[in-house]
Amino acid sequence: MYRSKPVTRKNLADRLGIEPKYIEQIGSKQLFRVRRALRIELYSYYTLVGHTDMSGVWILTTIKYSPTTSKQLSQFANRLRQSGFIITYQEV
């Protein structure tokens, strides 16, 4: 079975061309929240899987991910809902 190499905050920062201080790892796995000027983006490894424009609405993609990533996204979405955020899904 193929497994992706672990991604660090620095790896993702280098790939995106930003400073690591704008990246927060969510949990102990490969899910990262990236603060940009006008929105927050959610990455799994190097893949953009969701974003918000600070309006209280999160948009998550409907791509089929690995079981681990899918579980993490589901847990993240549940925590957002409990905090009062609205979750929508976007087909890609």
N, C-alpha and C. Protein backbone atom coordinates (compact mmCIF):
# COMPACT_ATOMS: atom_id res chain seq x y z
N MET A 1 0.84 -1.18 0.00
CA MET A 1 0.00 0.00 0.00
C MET A 1 0.89 1.24 0.00
N TYR A 2 0.55 2.19 -0.86
CA TYR A 2 1.32 3.44 -0.95
C TYR A 2 0.90 4.37 0.17
N ARG A 3 1.87 4.98 0.82
CA ARG A 3 1.59 5.97 1.85
C ARG A 3 2.35 7.24 1.50
N SER A 4 1.68 8.36 1.64
CA SER A 4 2.34 9.63 1.39
C SER A 4 3.33 9.92 2.52
N LYS A 5 4.40 10.58 2.14
CA LYS A 5 5.37 11.02 3.15
C LYS A 5 4.73 12.06 4.05
N PRO A 6 5.01 12.04 5.33
CA PRO A 6 4.45 13.07 6.21
C PRO A 6 4.84 14.48 5.75
N VAL A 7 3.92 15.40 5.91
CA VAL A 7 4.14 16.80 5.55
C VAL A 7 4.26 17.60 6.84
N THR A 8 5.24 18.48 6.90
CA THR A 8 5.40 19.35 8.07
C THR A 8 4.87 20.74 7.73
N ARG A 9 4.71 21.56 8.76
CA ARG A 9 4.30 22.95 8.53
C ARG A 9 5.29 23.63 7.60
N LYS A 10 6.57 23.37 7.80
CA LYS A 10 7.61 23.99 6.95
C LYS A 10 7.49 23.53 5.51
N ASN A 11 7.26 22.22 5.29
CA ASN A 11 7.08 21.72 3.93
C ASN A 11 5.94 22.44 3.22
N LEU A 12 4.81 22.55 3.91
CA LEU A 12 3.64 23.20 3.32
C LEU A 12 3.90 24.69 3.10
N ALA A 13 4.56 25.34 4.06
CA ALA A 13 4.89 26.76 3.92
C ALA A 13 5.78 26.99 2.71
N ASP A 14 6.78 26.14 2.53
CA ASP A 14 7.67 26.25 1.37
C ASP A 14 6.89 26.08 0.07
N ARG A 15 5.98 25.11 0.03
CA ARG A 15 5.19 24.84 -1.17
C ARG A 15 4.27 26.02 -1.50
N LEU A 16 3.69 26.63 -0.45
CA LEU A 16 2.74 27.73 -0.66
C LEU A 16 3.41 29.09 -0.75
N GLY A 17 4.69 29.16 -0.37
CA GLY A 17 5.42 30.42 -0.41
C GLY A 17 5.03 31.39 0.69
N ILE A 18 4.70 30.84 1.87
CA ILE A 18 4.35 31.69 3.00
C ILE A 18 5.18 31.28 4.22
N GLU A 19 5.08 32.04 5.30
CA GLU A 19 5.82 31.72 6.52
C GLU A 19 5.08 30.65 7.31
N PRO A 20 5.81 29.74 7.96
CA PRO A 20 5.17 28.68 8.75
C PRO A 20 4.27 29.20 9.87
N LYS A 21 4.48 30.41 10.34
CA LYS A 21 3.67 30.94 11.45
C LYS A 21 2.20 31.10 11.06
N TYR A 22 1.90 31.08 9.76
CA TYR A 22 0.52 31.20 9.30
C TYR A 22 -0.16 29.85 9.13
N ILE A 23 0.54 28.78 9.51
CA ILE A 23 0.02 27.42 9.35
C ILE A 23 -0.13 26.76 10.70
N GLU A 24 -1.30 26.16 10.92
CA GLU A 24 -1.57 25.45 12.17
C GLU A 24 -1.94 24.01 11.84
N GLN A 25 -1.26 23.07 12.47
CA GLN A 25 -1.59 21.66 12.27
C GLN A 25 -2.80 21.34 13.13
N ILE A 26 -3.76 20.64 12.55
CA ILE A 26 -4.98 20.27 13.26
C ILE A 26 -4.86 18.81 13.66
N GLY A 27 -4.89 18.57 14.96
CA GLY A 27 -4.73 17.19 15.44
C GLY A 27 -3.32 16.71 15.23
N SER A 28 -3.14 15.42 15.18
CA SER A 28 -1.80 14.85 15.06
C SER A 28 -1.52 14.32 13.66
N LYS A 29 -2.43 14.57 12.74
CA LYS A 29 -2.28 14.03 11.39
C LYS A 29 -1.96 15.13 10.38
N GLN A 30 -2.23 14.86 9.14
CA GLN A 30 -1.81 15.74 8.03
C GLN A 30 -2.89 16.72 7.60
N LEU A 31 -3.55 17.36 8.56
CA LEU A 31 -4.56 18.36 8.27
C LEU A 31 -4.06 19.70 8.79
N PHE A 32 -4.08 20.72 7.94
CA PHE A 32 -3.51 22.02 8.30
C PHE A 32 -4.49 23.15 7.99
N ARG A 33 -4.55 24.14 8.88
CA ARG A 33 -5.32 25.35 8.67
C ARG A 33 -4.32 26.45 8.31
N VAL A 34 -4.53 27.11 7.17
CA VAL A 34 -3.60 28.14 6.67
C VAL A 34 -4.31 29.48 6.66
N ARG A 35 -3.76 30.44 7.39
CA ARG A 35 -4.33 31.79 7.43
C ARG A 35 -3.79 32.61 6.27
N ARG A 36 -4.69 33.10 5.45
CA ARG A 36 -4.35 33.99 4.34
C ARG A 36 -4.93 35.36 4.65
N ALA A 37 -4.70 36.33 3.79
CA ALA A 37 -5.17 37.70 4.04
C ALA A 37 -6.69 37.77 4.19
N LEU A 38 -7.43 37.17 3.29
CA LEU A 38 -8.88 37.32 3.30
C LEU A 38 -9.64 36.03 3.56
N ARG A 39 -8.94 34.94 3.82
CA ARG A 39 -9.64 33.68 4.09
C ARG A 39 -8.73 32.71 4.82
N ILE A 40 -9.32 31.65 5.29
CA ILE A 40 -8.58 30.55 5.91
C ILE A 40 -8.77 29.34 5.01
N GLU A 41 -7.68 28.65 4.71
CA GLU A 41 -7.73 27.47 3.85
C GLU A 41 -7.41 26.22 4.68
N LEU A 42 -7.97 25.12 4.27
CA LEU A 42 -7.75 23.84 4.94
C LEU A 42 -7.06 22.91 3.96
N TYR A 43 -5.92 22.36 4.36
CA TYR A 43 -5.13 21.47 3.50
C TYR A 43 -4.99 20.10 4.13
N SER A 44 -5.06 19.08 3.30
CA SER A 44 -4.70 17.73 3.70
C SER A 44 -3.47 17.39 2.87
N TYR A 45 -2.35 17.13 3.55
CA TYR A 45 -1.07 17.03 2.88
C TYR A 45 -0.88 18.32 2.08
N TYR A 46 -0.79 18.26 0.75
CA TYR A 46 -0.63 19.47 -0.06
C TYR A 46 -1.91 19.85 -0.81
N THR A 47 -3.00 19.15 -0.53
CA THR A 47 -4.24 19.35 -1.27
C THR A 47 -5.19 20.28 -0.53
N LEU A 48 -5.67 21.32 -1.22
CA LEU A 48 -6.66 22.22 -0.66
C LEU A 48 -7.99 21.47 -0.58
N VAL A 49 -8.53 21.33 0.64
CA VAL A 49 -9.77 20.56 0.83
C VAL A 49 -10.92 21.41 1.35
N GLY A 50 -10.66 22.68 1.67
CA GLY A 50 -11.73 23.54 2.14
C GLY A 50 -11.24 24.94 2.40
N HIS A 51 -12.18 25.86 2.59
CA HIS A 51 -11.82 27.25 2.90
C HIS A 51 -13.02 27.99 3.48
N THR A 52 -12.76 29.14 4.09
CA THR A 52 -13.79 30.05 4.55
C THR A 52 -13.33 31.47 4.26
N ASP A 53 -14.29 32.33 4.03
CA ASP A 53 -13.96 33.75 3.78
C ASP A 53 -14.22 34.58 5.03
N MET A 54 -14.19 33.96 6.19
CA MET A 54 -14.40 34.60 7.49
C MET A 54 -15.86 34.99 7.74
N SER A 55 -16.78 34.51 6.91
CA SER A 55 -18.20 34.85 7.07
C SER A 55 -18.91 33.88 8.01
N GLY A 56 -18.24 32.86 8.45
CA GLY A 56 -18.89 31.84 9.28
C GLY A 56 -19.33 30.63 8.48
N VAL A 57 -19.07 30.65 7.17
CA VAL A 57 -19.42 29.52 6.30
C VAL A 57 -18.13 28.86 5.83
N TRP A 58 -18.03 27.55 6.07
CA TRP A 58 -16.89 26.77 5.58
C TRP A 58 -17.34 25.99 4.35
N ILE A 59 -16.53 25.98 3.32
CA ILE A 59 -16.80 25.22 2.10
C ILE A 59 -15.77 24.10 2.04
N LEU A 60 -16.25 22.86 2.07
CA LEU A 60 -15.37 21.70 1.99
C LEU A 60 -15.60 21.00 0.66
N THR A 61 -14.57 20.41 0.10
CA THR A 61 -14.69 19.72 -1.19
C THR A 61 -15.27 18.32 -0.98
N THR A 62 -15.79 17.76 -2.05
CA THR A 62 -16.41 16.43 -1.97
C THR A 62 -15.53 15.35 -2.58
N ILE A 63 -14.25 15.62 -2.73
CA ILE A 63 -13.33 14.62 -3.28
C ILE A 63 -13.27 13.42 -2.35
N LYS A 64 -13.13 12.23 -2.90
CA LYS A 64 -12.97 11.02 -2.08
C LYS A 64 -11.53 10.96 -1.61
N TYR A 65 -11.36 10.96 -0.30
CA TYR A 65 -10.03 10.94 0.30
C TYR A 65 -9.75 9.59 0.94
N SER A 66 -8.54 9.45 1.45
CA SER A 66 -8.19 8.25 2.20
C SER A 66 -9.09 8.17 3.43
N PRO A 67 -9.26 6.98 4.00
CA PRO A 67 -10.09 6.86 5.21
C PRO A 67 -9.64 7.78 6.34
N THR A 68 -8.33 7.93 6.52
CA THR A 68 -7.82 8.79 7.60
C THR A 68 -8.20 10.25 7.35
N THR A 69 -7.97 10.73 6.14
CA THR A 69 -8.29 12.13 5.81
C THR A 69 -9.79 12.36 5.90
N SER A 70 -10.59 11.43 5.40
CA SER A 70 -12.04 11.56 5.47
C SER A 70 -12.51 11.65 6.91
N LYS A 71 -11.94 10.82 7.77
CA LYS A 71 -12.30 10.84 9.19
C LYS A 71 -11.92 12.18 9.82
N GLN A 72 -10.72 12.68 9.51
CA GLN A 72 -10.28 13.97 10.05
C GLN A 72 -11.19 15.10 9.60
N LEU A 73 -11.54 15.11 8.30
CA LEU A 73 -12.42 16.16 7.78
C LEU A 73 -13.79 16.10 8.45
N SER A 74 -14.30 14.90 8.65
CA SER A 74 -15.58 14.73 9.30
C SER A 74 -15.54 15.25 10.74
N GLN A 75 -14.48 14.93 11.47
CA GLN A 75 -14.32 15.42 12.84
C GLN A 75 -14.18 16.94 12.86
N PHE A 76 -13.41 17.48 11.92
CA PHE A 76 -13.23 18.93 11.82
C PHE A 76 -14.57 19.60 11.55
N ALA A 77 -15.34 19.08 10.61
CA ALA A 77 -16.65 19.65 10.27
C ALA A 77 -17.59 19.58 11.47
N ASN A 78 -17.56 18.49 12.22
CA ASN A 78 -18.42 18.37 13.40
C ASN A 78 -18.06 19.40 14.46
N ARG A 79 -16.75 19.63 14.66
CA ARG A 79 -16.33 20.65 15.63
C ARG A 79 -16.77 22.04 15.17
N LEU A 80 -16.68 22.31 13.87
CA LEU A 80 -17.12 23.61 13.35
C LEU A 80 -18.62 23.80 13.58
N ARG A 81 -19.41 22.76 13.28
CA ARG A 81 -20.87 22.84 13.48
C ARG A 81 -21.19 23.13 14.94
N GLN A 82 -20.51 22.45 15.85
CA GLN A 82 -20.75 22.64 17.28
C GLN A 82 -20.40 24.06 17.71
N SER A 83 -19.48 24.69 16.99
CA SER A 83 -19.08 26.07 17.31
C SER A 83 -19.97 27.10 16.62
N GLY A 84 -20.97 26.62 15.87
CA GLY A 84 -21.91 27.54 15.24
C GLY A 84 -21.61 27.90 13.79
N PHE A 85 -20.61 27.27 13.20
CA PHE A 85 -20.28 27.55 11.79
C PHE A 85 -21.22 26.76 10.88
N ILE A 86 -21.38 27.25 9.68
CA ILE A 86 -22.17 26.57 8.66
C ILE A 86 -21.21 25.85 7.73
N ILE A 87 -21.53 24.62 7.40
CA ILE A 87 -20.69 23.82 6.50
C ILE A 87 -21.45 23.59 5.20
N THR A 88 -20.82 23.88 4.07
CA THR A 88 -21.38 23.54 2.76
C THR A 88 -20.34 22.71 2.03
N TYR A 89 -20.79 21.99 1.02
CA TYR A 89 -19.89 21.13 0.26
C TYR A 89 -19.90 21.54 -1.20
N GLN A 90 -18.72 21.49 -1.81
CA GLN A 90 -18.55 21.91 -3.19
C GLN A 90 -17.99 20.74 -3.98
N GLU A 91 -18.65 20.38 -5.06
CA GLU A 91 -18.15 19.31 -5.91
C GLU A 91 -16.99 19.83 -6.75
N VAL A 92 -15.98 18.99 -6.91
CA VAL A 92 -14.82 19.35 -7.73
C VAL A 92 -14.55 18.29 -8.74
